[in-house]
Amino acid sequence: MTMAVAQVGEWLGLGGSILANLFNPRVIVIGGYFASLAQWLLPHAQDQLQRLVVAAPAARCRFVASTLGFGAASRGAPSMVINHIIDDSTTIMDLPRPAPY
């Protein structure tokens, strides 16, 4: 199992290096099952990321595990809607109405 987890970590690092090279984020947050396995995955992912980044600023990028658990998406999506409504309350008027049957 250790070898399989290391391999998943390396693939995660490959994907992270692509993100780091394109967008130069400082942090990549890993959630869900990946967060549960973070202590085994992230060292391999971070090593792979460091080897594959092209630019020096991208090398500052690091992986961290989410502390929100499996409910992160169910918390994040409503907060985006609420923030959008707070920013511009007139957008409520533009919501599509259900089609009549």
C-alpha atoms as a PDB file:
ATOM      1  CA  MET A   1       0.000   0.000   0.000  1.00  0.00           C
ATOM      2  CA  THR A   2       2.851   2.388   0.789  1.00  0.00           C
ATOM      3  CA  MET A   3       4.092   2.169  -2.788  1.00  0.00           C
ATOM      4  CA  ALA A   4       0.598   2.878  -4.149  1.00  0.00           C
ATOM      5  CA  VAL A   5       0.187   5.917  -1.896  1.00  0.00           C
ATOM      6  CA  ALA A   6       3.621   7.189  -2.930  1.00  0.00           C
ATOM      7  CA  GLN A   7       2.650   6.806  -6.579  1.00  0.00           C
ATOM      8  CA  VAL A   8      -0.596   8.739  -6.041  1.00  0.00           C
ATOM      9  CA  GLY A   9       1.430  11.430  -4.282  1.00  0.00           C
ATOM     10  CA  GLU A  10       3.768  11.659  -7.266  1.00  0.00           C
ATOM     11  CA  TRP A  11       0.838  12.042  -9.669  1.00  0.00           C
ATOM     12  CA  LEU A  12      -0.608  14.679  -7.381  1.00  0.00           C
ATOM     13  CA  GLY A  13       2.741  16.455  -7.475  1.00  0.00           C
ATOM     14  CA  LEU A  14       2.786  16.284 -11.271  1.00  0.00           C
ATOM     15  CA  GLY A  15      -0.647  17.920 -11.428  1.00  0.00           C
ATOM     16  CA  GLY A  16       0.405  20.471  -8.840  1.00  0.00           C
ATOM     17  CA  SER A  17       3.528  21.334 -10.819  1.00  0.00           C
ATOM     18  CA  ILE A  18       1.403  22.035 -13.892  1.00  0.00           C
ATOM     19  CA  LEU A  19      -0.801  24.357 -11.828  1.00  0.00           C
ATOM     20  CA  ALA A  20       2.261  26.003 -10.282  1.00  0.00           C
ATOM     21  CA  ASN A  21       3.888  26.575 -13.671  1.00  0.00           C
ATOM     22  CA  LEU A  22       0.703  28.035 -15.164  1.00  0.00           C
ATOM     23  CA  PHE A  23      -0.768  30.071 -12.306  1.00  0.00           C
ATOM     24  CA  ASN A  24       2.013  30.397  -9.710  1.00  0.00           C
ATOM     25  CA  PRO A  25      -0.164  29.820  -6.614  1.00  0.00           C
ATOM     26  CA  ARG A  26       1.459  29.950  -3.197  1.00  0.00           C
ATOM     27  CA  VAL A  27      -0.682  27.105  -1.834  1.00  0.00           C
ATOM     28  CA  ILE A  28      -2.554  24.139  -3.309  1.00  0.00           C
ATOM     29  CA  VAL A  29      -5.202  22.878  -0.878  1.00  0.00           C
ATOM     30  CA  ILE A  30      -5.947  19.167  -0.995  1.00  0.00           C
ATOM     31  CA  GLY A  31      -9.341  18.001   0.239  1.00  0.00           C
ATOM     32  CA  GLY A  32     -11.562  14.953   0.516  1.00  0.00           C
ATOM     33  CA  TYR A  33      -9.849  11.572   0.685  1.00  0.00           C
ATOM     34  CA  PHE A  34      -6.553  13.193  -0.258  1.00  0.00           C
ATOM     35  CA  ALA A  35      -6.707  15.280   2.931  1.00  0.00           C
ATOM     36  CA  SER A  36      -7.299  12.133   4.968  1.00  0.00           C
ATOM     37  CA  LEU A  37      -4.116  10.626   3.515  1.00  0.00           C
ATOM     38  CA  ALA A  38      -2.144  13.884   3.582  1.00  0.00           C
ATOM     39  CA  GLN A  39       0.598  12.736   5.944  1.00  0.00           C
ATOM     40  CA  TRP A  40       1.580  10.027   3.446  1.00  0.00           C
ATOM     41  CA  LEU A  41       0.721  11.761   0.158  1.00  0.00           C
ATOM     42  CA  LEU A  42       2.011  15.277   0.591  1.00  0.00           C
ATOM     43  CA  PRO A  43       5.735  14.557   1.078  1.00  0.00           C
ATOM     44  CA  HIS A  44       5.795  12.695  -2.267  1.00  0.00           C
ATOM     45  CA  ALA A  45       3.636  15.337  -3.940  1.00  0.00           C
ATOM     46  CA  GLN A  46       5.813  18.176  -2.658  1.00  0.00           C
ATOM     47  CA  ASP A  47       9.021  16.459  -3.802  1.00  0.00           C
ATOM     48  CA  GLN A  48       7.587  15.921  -7.274  1.00  0.00           C
ATOM     49  CA  LEU A  49       6.339  19.504  -7.454  1.00  0.00           C
ATOM     50  CA  GLN A  50       9.772  20.865  -6.514  1.00  0.00           C
ATOM     51  CA  ARG A  51      11.448  18.763  -9.208  1.00  0.00           C
ATOM     52  CA  LEU A  52       9.056  19.764 -11.989  1.00  0.00           C
ATOM     53  CA  VAL A  53       8.477  23.492 -11.552  1.00  0.00           C
ATOM     54  CA  VAL A  54      10.197  25.650 -14.145  1.00  0.00           C
ATOM     55  CA  ALA A  55      10.370  29.128 -12.632  1.00  0.00           C
ATOM     56  CA  ALA A  56      11.847  29.963  -9.243  1.00  0.00           C
ATOM     57  CA  PRO A  57       8.703  31.755  -7.955  1.00  0.00           C
ATOM     58  CA  ALA A  58       6.632  28.625  -8.667  1.00  0.00           C
ATOM     59  CA  ALA A  59       8.966  26.643  -6.404  1.00  0.00           C
ATOM     60  CA  ARG A  60       7.502  28.486  -3.402  1.00  0.00           C
ATOM     61  CA  CYS A  61       4.198  26.692  -3.978  1.00  0.00           C
ATOM     62  CA  ARG A  62       3.307  24.121  -1.344  1.00  0.00           C
ATOM     63  CA  PHE A  63       0.593  21.568  -0.704  1.00  0.00           C
ATOM     64  CA  VAL A  64      -1.567  21.756   2.417  1.00  0.00           C
ATOM     65  CA  ALA A  65      -4.413  19.559   3.603  1.00  0.00           C
ATOM     66  CA  SER A  66      -7.859  21.052   4.054  1.00  0.00           C
ATOM     67  CA  THR A  67      -9.269  21.002   7.564  1.00  0.00           C
ATOM     68  CA  LEU A  68     -12.880  21.325   6.349  1.00  0.00           C
ATOM     69  CA  GLY A  69     -13.352  17.626   5.653  1.00  0.00           C
ATOM     70  CA  PHE A  70     -15.852  16.353   3.119  1.00  0.00           C
ATOM     71  CA  GLY A  71     -18.258  19.263   3.659  1.00  0.00           C
ATOM     72  CA  ALA A  72     -16.027  21.892   2.039  1.00  0.00           C
ATOM     73  CA  ALA A  73     -17.956  22.061  -1.233  1.00  0.00           C
ATOM     74  CA  SER A  74     -21.303  22.245   0.541  1.00  0.00           C
ATOM     75  CA  ARG A  75     -19.992  25.204   2.543  1.00  0.00           C
ATOM     76  CA  GLY A  76     -18.136  26.974  -0.245  1.00  0.00           C
ATOM     77  CA  ALA A  77     -20.855  27.014  -2.893  1.00  0.00           C
ATOM     78  CA  PRO A  78     -23.514  28.723  -0.738  1.00  0.00           C
ATOM     79  CA  SER A  79     -20.980  31.254   0.518  1.00  0.00           C
ATOM     80  CA  MET A  80     -20.196  32.244  -3.082  1.00  0.00           C
ATOM     81  CA  VAL A  81     -23.897  32.868  -3.740  1.00  0.00           C
ATOM     82  CA  ILE A  82     -24.332  34.835  -0.519  1.00  0.00           C
ATOM     83  CA  ASN A  83     -21.255  36.962  -1.239  1.00  0.00           C
ATOM     84  CA  HIS A  84     -22.515  37.652  -4.762  1.00  0.00           C
ATOM     85  CA  ILE A  85     -25.909  38.762  -3.435  1.00  0.00           C
ATOM     86  CA  ILE A  86     -24.299  40.953  -0.776  1.00  0.00           C
ATOM     87  CA  ASP A  87     -22.042  42.558  -3.401  1.00  0.00           C
ATOM     88  CA  ASP A  88     -24.974  43.330  -5.723  1.00  0.00           C
ATOM     89  CA  SER A  89     -28.455  42.727  -4.321  1.00  0.00           C
ATOM     90  CA  THR A  90     -30.076  43.554  -7.673  1.00  0.00           C
ATOM     91  CA  THR A  91     -28.881  40.202  -9.041  1.00  0.00           C
ATOM     92  CA  ILE A  92     -31.716  38.497  -7.164  1.00  0.00           C
ATOM     93  CA  MET A  93     -34.126  40.061  -9.633  1.00  0.00           C
ATOM     94  CA  ASP A  94     -32.334  38.420 -12.573  1.00  0.00           C
ATOM     95  CA  LEU A  95     -32.752  34.835 -11.397  1.00  0.00           C
ATOM     96  CA  PRO A  96     -34.337  32.569 -14.022  1.00  0.00           C
ATOM     97  CA  ARG A  97     -37.856  31.425 -13.272  1.00  0.00           C
ATOM     98  CA  PRO A  98     -38.855  27.773 -13.600  1.00  0.00           C
ATOM     99  CA  ALA A  99     -40.548  26.923 -16.877  1.00  0.00           C
ATOM    100  CA  PRO A 100     -44.302  26.256 -16.618  1.00  0.00           C
ATOM    101  CA  TYR A 101     -45.403  22.693 -17.275  1.00  0.00           C
END
